[in-house]
Amino acid sequence: MKKILAPRYLMLIILGISLCLPHSVYAFPNHHFTCPFKGIIMAVLGITDDQMASFDELKAETRAEIEPLAEEMMELGRQMPEILLAEEINTDEAKEKLVQIVDLKCQISSIGANAGLEGVQILTPEQRFTILIFVEDFLELLEWIADFPGWDKIKEHFEEYIKPILVDKLSKRHGIDLTDAQMDAFNELKAETRTEIKPLSEEMRELGKQIPEILLVEEINTVDAKEKFEQMVGLKCQISSIAANAKLKRAQILTPEQRQIIKEKIGEWGDHHPWSANLGF
């Protein structure tokens, strides 16, 4: 449950309260995102018409930067089932495409972070202080929830009883009938991936805890803020790269026949099929 305090949640709290800033644009690049609590936020923070105009301009600029990158990334994503589920996987081609996708994700994250910094600077010190108080109270609530002693038991119950049933059901539902050896390989890969990602996630969380005090102070140190954002984006890119490599390895665990079955099902269901996004357990 400690993962609930990940940096992205801190950023969503801060930037979301700040009138649903442009981070919403890169989270939903193909949608005209609107903030459901916009009126309440404007009233609480006392947002002026000039500030609102600045937010709208920043959002439009951010959208213009991000949309072509997001479209390119989605186009590459649509190619991945054909590449990862081929009878004989072209490893070099798969790695090249995955690197391109990760690079695009990093560019989008960097643009989003810069937009967030610019957005917070539109607010007055008093408005930022109001957000800081809310963030501190909200994080105290999350810490209280995360410390609930029953979470460990719930997790143990899931791992011991629920997860094996779900994995077995998923395997049979898609008609791929994973062998015990394949399941062991999937579990081993999952454990290795988590081991690689864990220290990066922990470092990211530590940086994330510093964000409120950096962004919501009376006078923002933009050099310090940019440095922290660059570090966070860099860590996020490393995590994305590890996850991309794991995706290729998952596909390689499957037999050509199993990959063909999944490929056919994706063809039937299109982008709505769960395998089209995950391509593995």
C-alpha atoms as a PDB file:
ATOM      1  CA  MET A   1       0.000   0.000   0.000  1.00  0.00           C
ATOM      2  CA  LYS A   2       2.955   2.333   0.370  1.00  0.00           C
ATOM      3  CA  LYS A   3       2.986   2.535  -3.417  1.00  0.00           C
ATOM      4  CA  ILE A   4      -0.101   4.717  -3.122  1.00  0.00           C
ATOM      5  CA  LEU A   5       2.276   7.507  -2.151  1.00  0.00           C
ATOM      6  CA  ALA A   6       4.143   7.268  -5.457  1.00  0.00           C
ATOM      7  CA  PRO A   7       5.325  10.567  -6.979  1.00  0.00           C
ATOM      8  CA  ARG A   8       2.733  10.505  -9.711  1.00  0.00           C
ATOM      9  CA  TYR A   9      -0.006  10.748  -7.073  1.00  0.00           C
ATOM     10  CA  LEU A  10       1.706  13.729  -5.492  1.00  0.00           C
ATOM     11  CA  MET A  11       1.923  15.374  -8.885  1.00  0.00           C
ATOM     12  CA  LEU A  12      -1.701  14.593  -9.681  1.00  0.00           C
ATOM     13  CA  ILE A  13      -2.790  16.117  -6.376  1.00  0.00           C
ATOM     14  CA  ILE A  14      -0.726  19.261  -6.824  1.00  0.00           C
ATOM     15  CA  LEU A  15      -1.309  19.811 -10.511  1.00  0.00           C
ATOM     16  CA  GLY A  16      -4.862  18.537 -10.460  1.00  0.00           C
ATOM     17  CA  ILE A  17      -5.862  21.036  -7.813  1.00  0.00           C
ATOM     18  CA  SER A  18      -4.073  23.699  -9.803  1.00  0.00           C
ATOM     19  CA  LEU A  19      -7.023  23.755 -12.178  1.00  0.00           C
ATOM     20  CA  CYS A  20      -6.351  20.392 -13.820  1.00  0.00           C
ATOM     21  CA  LEU A  21      -3.165  21.624 -15.405  1.00  0.00           C
ATOM     22  CA  PRO A  22      -1.645  20.351 -18.662  1.00  0.00           C
ATOM     23  CA  HIS A  23      -0.573  17.040 -17.121  1.00  0.00           C
ATOM     24  CA  SER A  24      -4.151  16.063 -17.950  1.00  0.00           C
ATOM     25  CA  VAL A  25      -3.420  16.684 -21.609  1.00  0.00           C
ATOM     26  CA  TYR A  26      -0.592  14.179 -21.779  1.00  0.00           C
ATOM     27  CA  ALA A  27      -2.483  11.687 -19.642  1.00  0.00           C
ATOM     28  CA  PHE A  28      -5.407  11.867 -22.073  1.00  0.00           C
ATOM     29  CA  PRO A  29      -3.868  13.170 -25.333  1.00  0.00           C
ATOM     30  CA  ASN A  30      -6.842  12.278 -27.521  1.00  0.00           C
ATOM     31  CA  HIS A  31      -9.550  13.626 -25.252  1.00  0.00           C
ATOM     32  CA  HIS A  32     -10.693  17.137 -24.442  1.00  0.00           C
ATOM     33  CA  PHE A  33     -10.156  16.675 -20.744  1.00  0.00           C
ATOM     34  CA  THR A  34     -12.173  18.837 -18.364  1.00  0.00           C
ATOM     35  CA  CYS A  35     -11.890  19.091 -14.613  1.00  0.00           C
ATOM     36  CA  PRO A  36     -15.116  18.037 -12.856  1.00  0.00           C
ATOM     37  CA  PHE A  37     -14.268  20.183  -9.820  1.00  0.00           C
ATOM     38  CA  LYS A  38     -13.058  23.189 -11.756  1.00  0.00           C
ATOM     39  CA  GLY A  39     -15.642  25.571 -10.317  1.00  0.00           C
ATOM     40  CA  ILE A  40     -14.933  24.520  -6.740  1.00  0.00           C
ATOM     41  CA  ILE A  41     -11.166  24.776  -7.236  1.00  0.00           C
ATOM     42  CA  MET A  42     -11.473  28.216  -8.800  1.00  0.00           C
ATOM     43  CA  ALA A  43     -13.593  29.411  -5.877  1.00  0.00           C
ATOM     44  CA  VAL A  44     -11.336  27.968  -3.172  1.00  0.00           C
ATOM     45  CA  LEU A  45      -8.117  29.273  -4.727  1.00  0.00           C
ATOM     46  CA  GLY A  46      -9.614  32.524  -5.997  1.00  0.00           C
ATOM     47  CA  ILE A  47      -8.392  32.021  -9.566  1.00  0.00           C
ATOM     48  CA  THR A  48      -8.552  35.209 -11.608  1.00  0.00           C
ATOM     49  CA  ASP A  49      -9.642  35.503 -15.239  1.00  0.00           C
ATOM     50  CA  ASP A  50      -6.043  36.318 -16.214  1.00  0.00           C
ATOM     51  CA  GLN A  51      -4.770  33.189 -14.478  1.00  0.00           C
ATOM     52  CA  MET A  52      -7.446  31.104 -16.165  1.00  0.00           C
ATOM     53  CA  ALA A  53      -6.411  32.484 -19.547  1.00  0.00           C
ATOM     54  CA  SER A  54      -2.776  31.622 -18.772  1.00  0.00           C
ATOM     55  CA  PHE A  55      -3.753  28.061 -17.819  1.00  0.00           C
ATOM     56  CA  ASP A  56      -5.760  27.639 -21.021  1.00  0.00           C
ATOM     57  CA  GLU A  57      -2.862  28.934 -23.121  1.00  0.00           C
ATOM     58  CA  LEU A  58      -0.402  26.631 -21.391  1.00  0.00           C
ATOM     59  CA  LYS A  59      -2.729  23.673 -21.863  1.00  0.00           C
ATOM     60  CA  ALA A  60      -3.084  24.411 -25.574  1.00  0.00           C
ATOM     61  CA  GLU A  61       0.691  24.722 -26.021  1.00  0.00           C
ATOM     62  CA  THR A  62       1.275  21.487 -24.137  1.00  0.00           C
ATOM     63  CA  ARG A  63      -1.336  19.646 -26.173  1.00  0.00           C
ATOM     64  CA  ALA A  64       0.266  20.886 -29.413  1.00  0.00           C
ATOM     65  CA  GLU A  65       3.660  19.522 -28.290  1.00  0.00           C
ATOM     66  CA  ILE A  66       2.400  16.215 -26.993  1.00  0.00           C
ATOM     67  CA  GLU A  67      -0.252  15.111 -29.478  1.00  0.00           C
ATOM     68  CA  PRO A  68       2.133  14.249 -32.370  1.00  0.00           C
ATOM     69  CA  LEU A  69       4.347  12.287 -29.962  1.00  0.00           C
ATOM     70  CA  ALA A  70       1.357  10.453 -28.499  1.00  0.00           C
ATOM     71  CA  GLU A  71       0.041   9.603 -31.964  1.00  0.00           C
ATOM     72  CA  GLU A  72       3.445   8.272 -33.017  1.00  0.00           C
ATOM     73  CA  MET A  73       3.646   6.211 -29.825  1.00  0.00           C
ATOM     74  CA  MET A  74       0.180   4.745 -30.372  1.00  0.00           C
ATOM     75  CA  GLU A  75       1.036   3.866 -33.958  1.00  0.00           C
ATOM     76  CA  LEU A  76       4.134   2.009 -32.766  1.00  0.00           C
ATOM     77  CA  GLY A  77       1.991   0.299 -30.128  1.00  0.00           C
ATOM     78  CA  ARG A  78      -0.366  -0.956 -32.809  1.00  0.00           C
ATOM     79  CA  GLN A  79       2.599  -2.580 -34.567  1.00  0.00           C
ATOM     80  CA  MET A  80       3.838  -4.418 -31.479  1.00  0.00           C
ATOM     81  CA  PRO A  81       1.411  -7.392 -31.509  1.00  0.00           C
ATOM     82  CA  GLU A  82       2.515  -8.231 -35.047  1.00  0.00           C
ATOM     83  CA  ILE A  83       6.171  -8.032 -33.989  1.00  0.00           C
ATOM     84  CA  LEU A  84       6.004  -9.685 -30.566  1.00  0.00           C
ATOM     85  CA  LEU A  85       3.577 -12.416 -31.626  1.00  0.00           C
ATOM     86  CA  ALA A  86       5.291 -13.432 -34.843  1.00  0.00           C
ATOM     87  CA  GLU A  87       6.051 -17.106 -35.384  1.00  0.00           C
ATOM     88  CA  GLU A  88       9.729 -16.216 -35.094  1.00  0.00           C
ATOM     89  CA  ILE A  89      10.291 -12.999 -33.157  1.00  0.00           C
ATOM     90  CA  ASN A  90      12.770 -10.591 -34.723  1.00  0.00           C
ATOM     91  CA  THR A  91      14.493  -9.568 -31.509  1.00  0.00           C
ATOM     92  CA  ASP A  92      16.415  -6.675 -33.038  1.00  0.00           C
ATOM     93  CA  GLU A  93      13.277  -5.175 -34.580  1.00  0.00           C
ATOM     94  CA  ALA A  94      11.299  -5.656 -31.365  1.00  0.00           C
ATOM     95  CA  LYS A  95      13.989  -3.979 -29.264  1.00  0.00           C
ATOM     96  CA  GLU A  96      14.249  -1.097 -31.732  1.00  0.00           C
ATOM     97  CA  LYS A  97      10.484  -0.446 -31.628  1.00  0.00           C
ATOM     98  CA  LEU A  98      10.337  -0.743 -27.839  1.00  0.00           C
ATOM     99  CA  VAL A  99      13.225   1.718 -27.487  1.00  0.00           C
ATOM    100  CA  GLN A 100      11.352   4.156 -29.717  1.00  0.00           C
ATOM    101  CA  ILE A 101       8.208   3.809 -27.596  1.00  0.00           C
ATOM    102  CA  VAL A 102      10.142   4.367 -24.370  1.00  0.00           C
ATOM    103  CA  ASP A 103      11.871   7.401 -25.884  1.00  0.00           C
ATOM    104  CA  LEU A 104       8.513   8.910 -26.853  1.00  0.00           C
ATOM    105  CA  LYS A 105       7.160   8.244 -23.358  1.00  0.00           C
ATOM    106  CA  CYS A 106      10.181  10.049 -21.911  1.00  0.00           C
ATOM    107  CA  GLN A 107       9.671  13.050 -24.178  1.00  0.00           C
ATOM    108  CA  ILE A 108       6.018  13.240 -23.171  1.00  0.00           C
ATOM    109  CA  SER A 109       6.888  12.949 -19.479  1.00  0.00           C
ATOM    110  CA  SER A 110       9.461  15.721 -19.807  1.00  0.00           C
ATOM    111  CA  ILE A 111       6.987  18.040 -21.551  1.00  0.00           C
ATOM    112  CA  GLY A 112       4.349  17.265 -18.935  1.00  0.00           C
ATOM    113  CA  ALA A 113       6.757  17.983 -16.075  1.00  0.00           C
ATOM    114  CA  ASN A 114       7.819  21.313 -17.583  1.00  0.00           C
ATOM    115  CA  ALA A 115       4.182  22.256 -18.136  1.00  0.00           C
ATOM    116  CA  GLY A 116       3.409  21.408 -14.519  1.00  0.00           C
ATOM    117  CA  LEU A 117       6.204  23.650 -13.297  1.00  0.00           C
ATOM    118  CA  GLU A 118       5.006  26.498 -15.501  1.00  0.00           C
ATOM    119  CA  GLY A 119       1.436  25.958 -14.340  1.00  0.00           C
ATOM    120  CA  VAL A 120       2.260  26.128 -10.641  1.00  0.00           C
ATOM    121  CA  GLN A 121       4.149  29.371 -11.240  1.00  0.00           C
ATOM    122  CA  ILE A 122       0.924  30.952 -12.545  1.00  0.00           C
ATOM    123  CA  LEU A 123      -0.502  30.625  -9.032  1.00  0.00           C
ATOM    124  CA  THR A 124       0.196  33.200  -6.335  1.00  0.00           C
ATOM    125  CA  PRO A 125       2.179  32.220  -3.202  1.00  0.00           C
ATOM    126  CA  GLU A 126      -1.076  32.292  -1.217  1.00  0.00           C
ATOM    127  CA  GLN A 127      -2.771  29.936  -3.662  1.00  0.00           C
ATOM    128  CA  ARG A 128       0.189  27.555  -3.577  1.00  0.00           C
ATOM    129  CA  PHE A 129       0.092  27.584   0.228  1.00  0.00           C
ATOM    130  CA  THR A 130      -3.589  26.601   0.159  1.00  0.00           C
ATOM    131  CA  ILE A 131      -2.701  23.622  -2.035  1.00  0.00           C
ATOM    132  CA  LEU A 132       0.224  22.682   0.231  1.00  0.00           C
ATOM    133  CA  ILE A 133      -2.060  22.478   3.267  1.00  0.00           C
ATOM    134  CA  PHE A 134      -4.464  20.246   1.356  1.00  0.00           C
ATOM    135  CA  VAL A 135      -1.636  18.004   0.113  1.00  0.00           C
ATOM    136  CA  GLU A 136      -0.198  17.587   3.615  1.00  0.00           C
ATOM    137  CA  ASP A 137      -3.600  16.692   5.071  1.00  0.00           C
ATOM    138  CA  PHE A 138      -4.335  14.324   2.190  1.00  0.00           C
ATOM    139  CA  LEU A 139      -0.984  12.548   2.508  1.00  0.00           C
ATOM    140  CA  GLU A 140      -1.536  12.111   6.243  1.00  0.00           C
ATOM    141  CA  LEU A 141      -4.808  10.376   5.399  1.00  0.00           C
ATOM    142  CA  LEU A 142      -3.060   8.137   2.853  1.00  0.00           C
ATOM    143  CA  GLU A 143      -0.367   7.261   5.390  1.00  0.00           C
ATOM    144  CA  TRP A 144      -3.053   6.332   7.903  1.00  0.00           C
ATOM    145  CA  ILE A 145      -4.747   4.105   5.300  1.00  0.00           C
ATOM    146  CA  ALA A 146      -1.399   2.581   4.234  1.00  0.00           C
ATOM    147  CA  ASP A 147      -0.566   1.693   7.848  1.00  0.00           C
ATOM    148  CA  PHE A 148      -3.753  -0.326   8.261  1.00  0.00           C
ATOM    149  CA  PRO A 149      -2.460  -3.691   9.615  1.00  0.00           C
ATOM    150  CA  GLY A 150      -4.905  -5.744   7.552  1.00  0.00           C
ATOM    151  CA  TRP A 151      -3.275  -4.929   4.188  1.00  0.00           C
ATOM    152  CA  ASP A 152      -0.530  -7.534   4.636  1.00  0.00           C
ATOM    153  CA  LYS A 153      -3.082 -10.251   5.336  1.00  0.00           C
ATOM    154  CA  ILE A 154      -5.150  -9.215   2.315  1.00  0.00           C
ATOM    155  CA  LYS A 155      -2.032  -9.356   0.124  1.00  0.00           C
ATOM    156  CA  GLU A 156      -1.040 -12.780   1.490  1.00  0.00           C
ATOM    157  CA  HIS A 157      -4.550 -14.086   0.855  1.00  0.00           C
ATOM    158  CA  PHE A 158      -4.468 -12.768  -2.708  1.00  0.00           C
ATOM    159  CA  GLU A 159      -1.044 -14.259  -3.469  1.00  0.00           C
ATOM    160  CA  GLU A 160      -1.901 -17.649  -1.944  1.00  0.00           C
ATOM    161  CA  TYR A 161      -5.489 -18.198  -3.054  1.00  0.00           C
ATOM    162  CA  ILE A 162      -6.807 -15.659  -5.560  1.00  0.00           C
ATOM    163  CA  LYS A 163      -3.846 -15.053  -7.888  1.00  0.00           C
ATOM    164  CA  PRO A 164      -3.281 -18.724  -8.869  1.00  0.00           C
ATOM    165  CA  ILE A 165      -6.972 -19.022  -9.780  1.00  0.00           C
ATOM    166  CA  LEU A 166      -6.898 -15.848 -11.874  1.00  0.00           C
ATOM    167  CA  VAL A 167      -3.714 -16.854 -13.721  1.00  0.00           C
ATOM    168  CA  ASP A 168      -5.037 -20.334 -14.442  1.00  0.00           C
ATOM    169  CA  LYS A 169      -8.376 -18.907 -15.609  1.00  0.00           C
ATOM    170  CA  LEU A 170      -6.658 -16.345 -17.848  1.00  0.00           C
ATOM    171  CA  SER A 171      -4.459 -19.023 -19.418  1.00  0.00           C
ATOM    172  CA  LYS A 172      -7.412 -21.294 -20.187  1.00  0.00           C
ATOM    173  CA  ARG A 173      -9.713 -18.487 -21.301  1.00  0.00           C
ATOM    174  CA  HIS A 174      -7.295 -17.488 -24.032  1.00  0.00           C
ATOM    175  CA  GLY A 175      -6.757 -21.102 -25.009  1.00  0.00           C
ATOM    176  CA  ILE A 176      -2.980 -20.996 -24.614  1.00  0.00           C
ATOM    177  CA  ASP A 177      -2.711 -23.613 -21.831  1.00  0.00           C
ATOM    178  CA  LEU A 178       0.525 -22.463 -20.241  1.00  0.00           C
ATOM    179  CA  THR A 179       2.768 -25.252 -18.990  1.00  0.00           C
ATOM    180  CA  ASP A 180       4.134 -25.352 -15.469  1.00  0.00           C
ATOM    181  CA  ALA A 181       7.570 -24.519 -16.859  1.00  0.00           C
ATOM    182  CA  GLN A 182       6.172 -21.457 -18.618  1.00  0.00           C
ATOM    183  CA  MET A 183       4.381 -20.312 -15.466  1.00  0.00           C
ATOM    184  CA  ASP A 184       7.632 -20.701 -13.550  1.00  0.00           C
ATOM    185  CA  ALA A 185       9.408 -18.668 -16.229  1.00  0.00           C
ATOM    186  CA  PHE A 186       6.753 -15.936 -16.042  1.00  0.00           C
ATOM    187  CA  ASN A 187       6.985 -15.798 -12.251  1.00  0.00           C
ATOM    188  CA  GLU A 188      10.787 -15.715 -12.347  1.00  0.00           C
ATOM    189  CA  LEU A 189      10.733 -12.903 -14.906  1.00  0.00           C
ATOM    190  CA  LYS A 190       8.212 -10.984 -12.805  1.00  0.00           C
ATOM    191  CA  ALA A 191      10.418 -11.335  -9.724  1.00  0.00           C
ATOM    192  CA  GLU A 192      13.537 -10.230 -11.632  1.00  0.00           C
ATOM    193  CA  THR A 193      11.709  -7.242 -13.099  1.00  0.00           C
ATOM    194  CA  ARG A 194      10.436  -6.175  -9.682  1.00  0.00           C
ATOM    195  CA  THR A 195      13.947  -6.484  -8.261  1.00  0.00           C
ATOM    196  CA  GLU A 196      15.297  -4.183 -10.983  1.00  0.00           C
ATOM    197  CA  ILE A 197      12.509  -1.661 -10.649  1.00  0.00           C
ATOM    198  CA  LYS A 198      12.205  -1.534  -6.847  1.00  0.00           C
ATOM    199  CA  PRO A 199      15.270   0.659  -6.078  1.00  0.00           C
ATOM    200  CA  LEU A 200      14.327   3.039  -8.892  1.00  0.00           C
ATOM    201  CA  SER A 201      10.748   3.294  -7.603  1.00  0.00           C
ATOM    202  CA  GLU A 202      11.997   3.929  -4.068  1.00  0.00           C
ATOM    203  CA  GLU A 203      14.310   6.683  -5.300  1.00  0.00           C
ATOM    204  CA  MET A 204      11.425   8.150  -7.275  1.00  0.00           C
ATOM    205  CA  ARG A 205       9.182   8.136  -4.217  1.00  0.00           C
ATOM    206  CA  GLU A 206      11.823   9.908  -2.155  1.00  0.00           C
ATOM    207  CA  LEU A 207      12.117  12.594  -4.813  1.00  0.00           C
ATOM    208  CA  GLY A 208       8.338  12.787  -5.010  1.00  0.00           C
ATOM    209  CA  LYS A 209       8.073  13.556  -1.305  1.00  0.00           C
ATOM    210  CA  GLN A 210      10.203  16.652  -1.907  1.00  0.00           C
ATOM    211  CA  ILE A 211       7.991  17.988  -4.709  1.00  0.00           C
ATOM    212  CA  PRO A 212       5.316  19.741  -2.596  1.00  0.00           C
ATOM    213  CA  GLU A 213       7.900  21.743  -0.652  1.00  0.00           C
ATOM    214  CA  ILE A 214       9.681  22.659  -3.897  1.00  0.00           C
ATOM    215  CA  LEU A 215       6.647  23.639  -5.954  1.00  0.00           C
ATOM    216  CA  LEU A 216       4.379  25.142  -3.327  1.00  0.00           C
ATOM    217  CA  VAL A 217       6.729  27.524  -1.550  1.00  0.00           C
ATOM    218  CA  GLU A 218       6.395  31.302  -1.565  1.00  0.00           C
ATOM    219  CA  GLU A 219       9.178  31.687  -4.129  1.00  0.00           C
ATOM    220  CA  ILE A 220       9.858  28.688  -6.368  1.00  0.00           C
ATOM    221  CA  ASN A 221      13.491  27.816  -7.032  1.00  0.00           C
ATOM    222  CA  THR A 222      13.055  26.891 -10.705  1.00  0.00           C
ATOM    223  CA  VAL A 223      16.598  25.515 -11.017  1.00  0.00           C
ATOM    224  CA  ASP A 224      16.047  23.121  -8.120  1.00  0.00           C
ATOM    225  CA  ALA A 225      12.575  22.208  -9.357  1.00  0.00           C
ATOM    226  CA  LYS A 226      13.802  21.468 -12.890  1.00  0.00           C
ATOM    227  CA  GLU A 227      16.654  19.359 -11.527  1.00  0.00           C
ATOM    228  CA  LYS A 228      14.259  17.269  -9.423  1.00  0.00           C
ATOM    229  CA  PHE A 229      11.866  16.856 -12.349  1.00  0.00           C
ATOM    230  CA  GLU A 230      14.698  15.776 -14.633  1.00  0.00           C
ATOM    231  CA  GLN A 231      15.779  13.182 -12.074  1.00  0.00           C
ATOM    232  CA  MET A 232      12.229  11.869 -11.763  1.00  0.00           C
ATOM    233  CA  VAL A 233      11.737  11.708 -15.527  1.00  0.00           C
ATOM    234  CA  GLY A 234      15.078   9.923 -15.853  1.00  0.00           C
ATOM    235  CA  LEU A 235      14.041   7.314 -13.277  1.00  0.00           C
ATOM    236  CA  LYS A 236      10.668   6.904 -14.960  1.00  0.00           C
ATOM    237  CA  CYS A 237      12.443   6.291 -18.268  1.00  0.00           C
ATOM    238  CA  GLN A 238      14.644   3.623 -16.718  1.00  0.00           C
ATOM    239  CA  ILE A 239      11.567   1.893 -15.296  1.00  0.00           C
ATOM    240  CA  SER A 240       9.801   2.075 -18.676  1.00  0.00           C
ATOM    241  CA  SER A 241      12.852   0.558 -20.359  1.00  0.00           C
ATOM    242  CA  ILE A 242      12.974  -2.343 -17.896  1.00  0.00           C
ATOM    243  CA  ALA A 243       9.240  -2.947 -18.362  1.00  0.00           C
ATOM    244  CA  ALA A 244       9.637  -2.890 -22.155  1.00  0.00           C
ATOM    245  CA  ASN A 245      12.408  -5.487 -22.028  1.00  0.00           C
ATOM    246  CA  ALA A 246      10.232  -7.653 -19.791  1.00  0.00           C
ATOM    247  CA  LYS A 247       7.416  -7.421 -22.327  1.00  0.00           C
ATOM    248  CA  LEU A 248       9.697  -8.850 -25.020  1.00  0.00           C
ATOM    249  CA  LYS A 249      10.874 -11.632 -22.718  1.00  0.00           C
ATOM    250  CA  ARG A 250       7.264 -12.530 -21.876  1.00  0.00           C
ATOM    251  CA  ALA A 251       6.458 -12.935 -25.550  1.00  0.00           C
ATOM    252  CA  GLN A 252       9.544 -15.127 -26.005  1.00  0.00           C
ATOM    253  CA  ILE A 253       8.392 -17.498 -23.245  1.00  0.00           C
ATOM    254  CA  LEU A 254       5.334 -18.386 -25.300  1.00  0.00           C
ATOM    255  CA  THR A 255       5.498 -20.964 -28.076  1.00  0.00           C
ATOM    256  CA  PRO A 256       4.865 -19.887 -31.689  1.00  0.00           C
ATOM    257  CA  GLU A 257       1.482 -21.659 -31.484  1.00  0.00           C
ATOM    258  CA  GLN A 258       0.496 -19.787 -28.349  1.00  0.00           C
ATOM    259  CA  ARG A 259       1.555 -16.486 -29.860  1.00  0.00           C
ATOM    260  CA  GLN A 260      -0.546 -17.256 -32.947  1.00  0.00           C
ATOM    261  CA  ILE A 261      -3.617 -17.937 -30.803  1.00  0.00           C
ATOM    262  CA  ILE A 262      -3.188 -14.623 -29.007  1.00  0.00           C
ATOM    263  CA  LYS A 263      -2.573 -12.825 -32.288  1.00  0.00           C
ATOM    264  CA  GLU A 264      -5.815 -14.196 -33.714  1.00  0.00           C
ATOM    265  CA  LYS A 265      -7.759 -13.145 -30.637  1.00  0.00           C
ATOM    266  CA  ILE A 266      -6.315  -9.635 -30.827  1.00  0.00           C
ATOM    267  CA  GLY A 267      -7.400  -9.565 -34.458  1.00  0.00           C
ATOM    268  CA  GLU A 268     -10.933 -10.442 -33.360  1.00  0.00           C
ATOM    269  CA  TRP A 269     -11.117  -7.993 -30.466  1.00  0.00           C
ATOM    270  CA  GLY A 270      -8.805  -5.229 -31.647  1.00  0.00           C
ATOM    271  CA  ASP A 271      -7.333  -2.776 -29.136  1.00  0.00           C
ATOM    272  CA  HIS A 272      -9.967  -3.783 -26.566  1.00  0.00           C
ATOM    273  CA  HIS A 273      -8.433  -7.220 -26.113  1.00  0.00           C
ATOM    274  CA  PRO A 274      -6.350  -7.380 -22.884  1.00  0.00           C
ATOM    275  CA  TRP A 275      -3.416  -9.057 -24.630  1.00  0.00           C
ATOM    276  CA  SER A 276      -3.062  -6.166 -27.058  1.00  0.00           C
ATOM    277  CA  ALA A 277      -1.881  -3.972 -24.190  1.00  0.00           C
ATOM    278  CA  ASN A 278      -0.006  -6.417 -21.986  1.00  0.00           C
ATOM    279  CA  LEU A 279       1.098  -9.329 -24.159  1.00  0.00           C
ATOM    280  CA  GLY A 280       1.775 -11.557 -21.211  1.00  0.00           C
ATOM    281  CA  PHE A 281       1.245 -12.276 -17.516  1.00  0.00           C
END
